[in-house]
């Protein structure tokens, strides 16, 4: 099975609905297997749920839908670890829900890069880029 992910305002890409992390995402213990479940019909909001431990869930979005100028560089080692070759990864970023009237925020510093053919994934901490860890999203931003 697959899910449709809006990669920007002009297009979408298919991703497998199960992701397998090459290395566990930071803060996720040793978890590597996650389902990717669409939470809307536009491909702009997803729940990434552990298939190894019940109750572990992150919200993720395709960042360029919300931050059109988001163009981080994914290094060669990451591309090789994902088996991408010349293909571009699909990027997702973790969203933290807003609290006490604050808008939700997106972690633009550490996107999840996904091989759209295989579902191999890795969370990359960007070096040399000035993307914020908690970028506000929404009208209040």
Protein backbone atom coordinates (compact mmCIF):
# COMPACT_ATOMS: atom_id res chain seq x y z
CA UNK A 1 0.00 0.00 0.00
CA UNK A 2 1.03 3.61 -0.39
CA UNK A 3 0.03 7.11 0.63
CA UNK A 4 0.01 10.29 -1.43
CA UNK A 5 2.25 13.02 0.01
CA UNK A 6 1.96 16.62 -1.17
CA UNK A 7 5.59 17.61 -1.76
CA UNK A 8 4.80 21.24 -2.61
CA UNK A 9 1.88 23.29 -3.89
CA UNK A 10 2.41 21.92 -7.40
CA UNK A 11 2.62 18.18 -6.89
CA UNK A 12 2.53 14.98 -4.87
CA UNK A 13 4.49 11.73 -4.61
CA UNK A 14 3.57 8.24 -3.56
CA UNK A 15 5.28 6.83 -0.46
CA UNK A 16 5.00 3.35 1.00
CA UNK A 17 2.64 3.39 3.99
CA UNK A 18 5.29 1.62 6.09
CA UNK A 19 8.66 3.24 6.78
CA UNK A 20 11.75 1.40 8.01
CA UNK A 21 14.38 3.64 9.58
CA UNK A 22 17.99 2.87 8.70
CA UNK A 23 18.89 4.11 12.21
CA UNK A 24 16.31 4.78 14.93
CA UNK A 25 15.10 8.40 15.00
CA UNK A 26 16.60 10.42 17.89
CA UNK A 27 14.55 10.02 21.04
CA UNK A 28 12.66 6.99 19.73
CA UNK A 29 14.57 4.32 21.68
CA UNK A 30 15.47 1.54 19.24
CA UNK A 31 12.26 1.81 17.20
CA UNK A 32 12.69 1.52 13.44
CA UNK A 33 9.34 0.44 11.94
CA UNK A 34 6.52 2.95 11.53
CA UNK A 35 3.25 3.17 9.62
CA UNK A 36 2.48 6.39 7.79
CA UNK A 37 -1.21 7.22 8.08
CA UNK A 38 -2.81 10.13 6.23
CA UNK A 39 -4.86 12.42 8.50
CA UNK A 40 -6.29 14.53 5.70
CA UNK A 41 -7.23 14.08 2.07
CA UNK A 42 -4.65 16.53 0.70
CA UNK A 43 -1.50 14.65 1.72
CA UNK A 44 -0.40 17.43 4.05
CA UNK A 45 -0.69 15.83 7.52
CA UNK A 46 0.29 12.36 8.70
CA UNK A 47 0.62 10.30 11.85
CA UNK A 48 3.80 8.24 11.93
CA UNK A 49 3.01 5.38 14.33
CA UNK A 50 5.40 2.77 15.66
CA UNK A 51 4.49 -0.74 14.58
CA UNK A 52 6.76 -2.10 17.31
CA UNK A 53 5.40 -0.27 20.38
CA UNK A 54 1.77 0.73 20.86
CA UNK A 55 1.09 4.37 21.63
CA UNK A 56 4.23 5.83 20.05
CA UNK A 57 3.16 8.42 17.50
CA UNK A 58 4.57 11.52 15.84
CA UNK A 59 2.78 13.98 13.59
CA UNK A 60 4.66 14.74 10.37
CA UNK A 61 4.09 17.05 7.42
CA UNK A 62 5.70 17.59 4.03
CA UNK A 63 7.49 20.86 4.85
CA UNK A 64 7.35 22.63 1.48
CA UNK A 65 3.55 22.75 1.64
CA UNK A 66 3.87 25.00 4.70
CA UNK A 67 7.36 26.48 4.19
CA UNK A 68 7.80 26.83 0.40
CA UNK A 69 11.42 28.03 0.65
CA UNK A 70 12.52 24.97 2.66
CA UNK A 71 15.33 23.48 0.56
CA UNK A 72 17.84 21.72 2.82
CA UNK A 73 20.77 19.82 1.36
CA UNK A 74 20.75 16.09 1.99
CA UNK A 75 24.34 14.85 2.10
CA UNK A 76 25.79 12.01 0.03
CA UNK A 77 26.16 9.66 3.02
CA UNK A 78 22.45 9.98 3.82
CA UNK A 79 21.50 9.47 0.19
CA UNK A 80 23.67 6.34 0.08
CA UNK A 81 22.23 4.98 3.35
CA UNK A 82 18.75 5.33 1.84
CA UNK A 83 19.75 3.73 -1.47
CA UNK A 84 18.53 6.76 -3.41
CA UNK A 85 20.97 6.95 -6.29
CA UNK A 86 19.97 10.02 -8.32
CA UNK A 87 16.41 10.06 -7.01
CA UNK A 88 15.32 12.84 -4.66
CA UNK A 89 14.12 11.85 -1.19
CA UNK A 90 10.71 12.86 0.06
CA UNK A 91 11.10 15.01 3.17
CA UNK A 92 8.80 15.03 6.18
CA UNK A 93 9.22 17.07 9.35
CA UNK A 94 7.95 16.39 12.86
CA UNK A 95 5.25 18.76 14.11
CA UNK A 96 4.67 19.59 17.77
CA UNK A 97 1.09 20.65 18.54
CA UNK A 98 0.71 24.18 19.88
CA UNK A 99 -0.11 24.72 23.54
CA UNK A 100 -1.93 27.52 25.36
CA UNK A 101 -2.90 29.30 22.14
CA UNK A 102 0.56 29.04 20.57
CA UNK A 103 0.74 27.75 17.01
CA UNK A 104 2.10 24.29 16.24
CA UNK A 105 5.79 24.17 15.40
CA UNK A 106 7.79 22.14 12.89
CA UNK A 107 11.29 20.76 13.37
CA UNK A 108 12.99 22.05 10.21
CA UNK A 109 16.45 21.28 11.62
CA UNK A 110 16.00 17.50 11.48
CA UNK A 111 13.82 16.33 8.57
CA UNK A 112 12.95 12.71 7.92
CA UNK A 113 14.28 11.77 4.48
CA UNK A 114 12.44 8.87 2.81
CA UNK A 115 13.28 6.75 -0.21
CA UNK A 116 9.93 6.86 -2.08
CA UNK A 117 10.51 3.46 -3.69
CA UNK A 118 11.48 1.41 -0.63
CA UNK A 119 10.25 3.32 2.42
CA UNK A 120 13.77 3.41 3.87
CA UNK A 121 13.96 6.46 6.14
CA UNK A 122 16.42 8.38 8.26
CA UNK A 123 16.07 11.49 10.40
CA UNK A 124 18.86 13.84 9.40
CA UNK A 125 20.20 16.58 11.67
CA UNK A 126 21.21 19.26 9.18
CA UNK A 127 24.64 20.78 9.58
CA UNK A 128 25.57 24.18 8.22
CA UNK A 129 21.93 25.15 7.65
CA UNK A 130 20.10 27.70 9.78
CA UNK A 131 16.74 25.94 9.86
CA UNK A 132 14.98 26.23 13.24
CA UNK A 133 14.16 23.40 15.59
CA UNK A 134 10.71 24.86 16.30
CA UNK A 135 9.42 26.93 13.37
CA UNK A 136 5.88 28.27 14.06
CA UNK A 137 3.20 27.15 11.61
CA UNK A 138 -0.17 28.70 10.88
CA UNK A 139 -1.75 32.13 10.91
CA UNK A 140 -0.25 33.09 14.28
CA UNK A 141 3.26 32.54 12.89
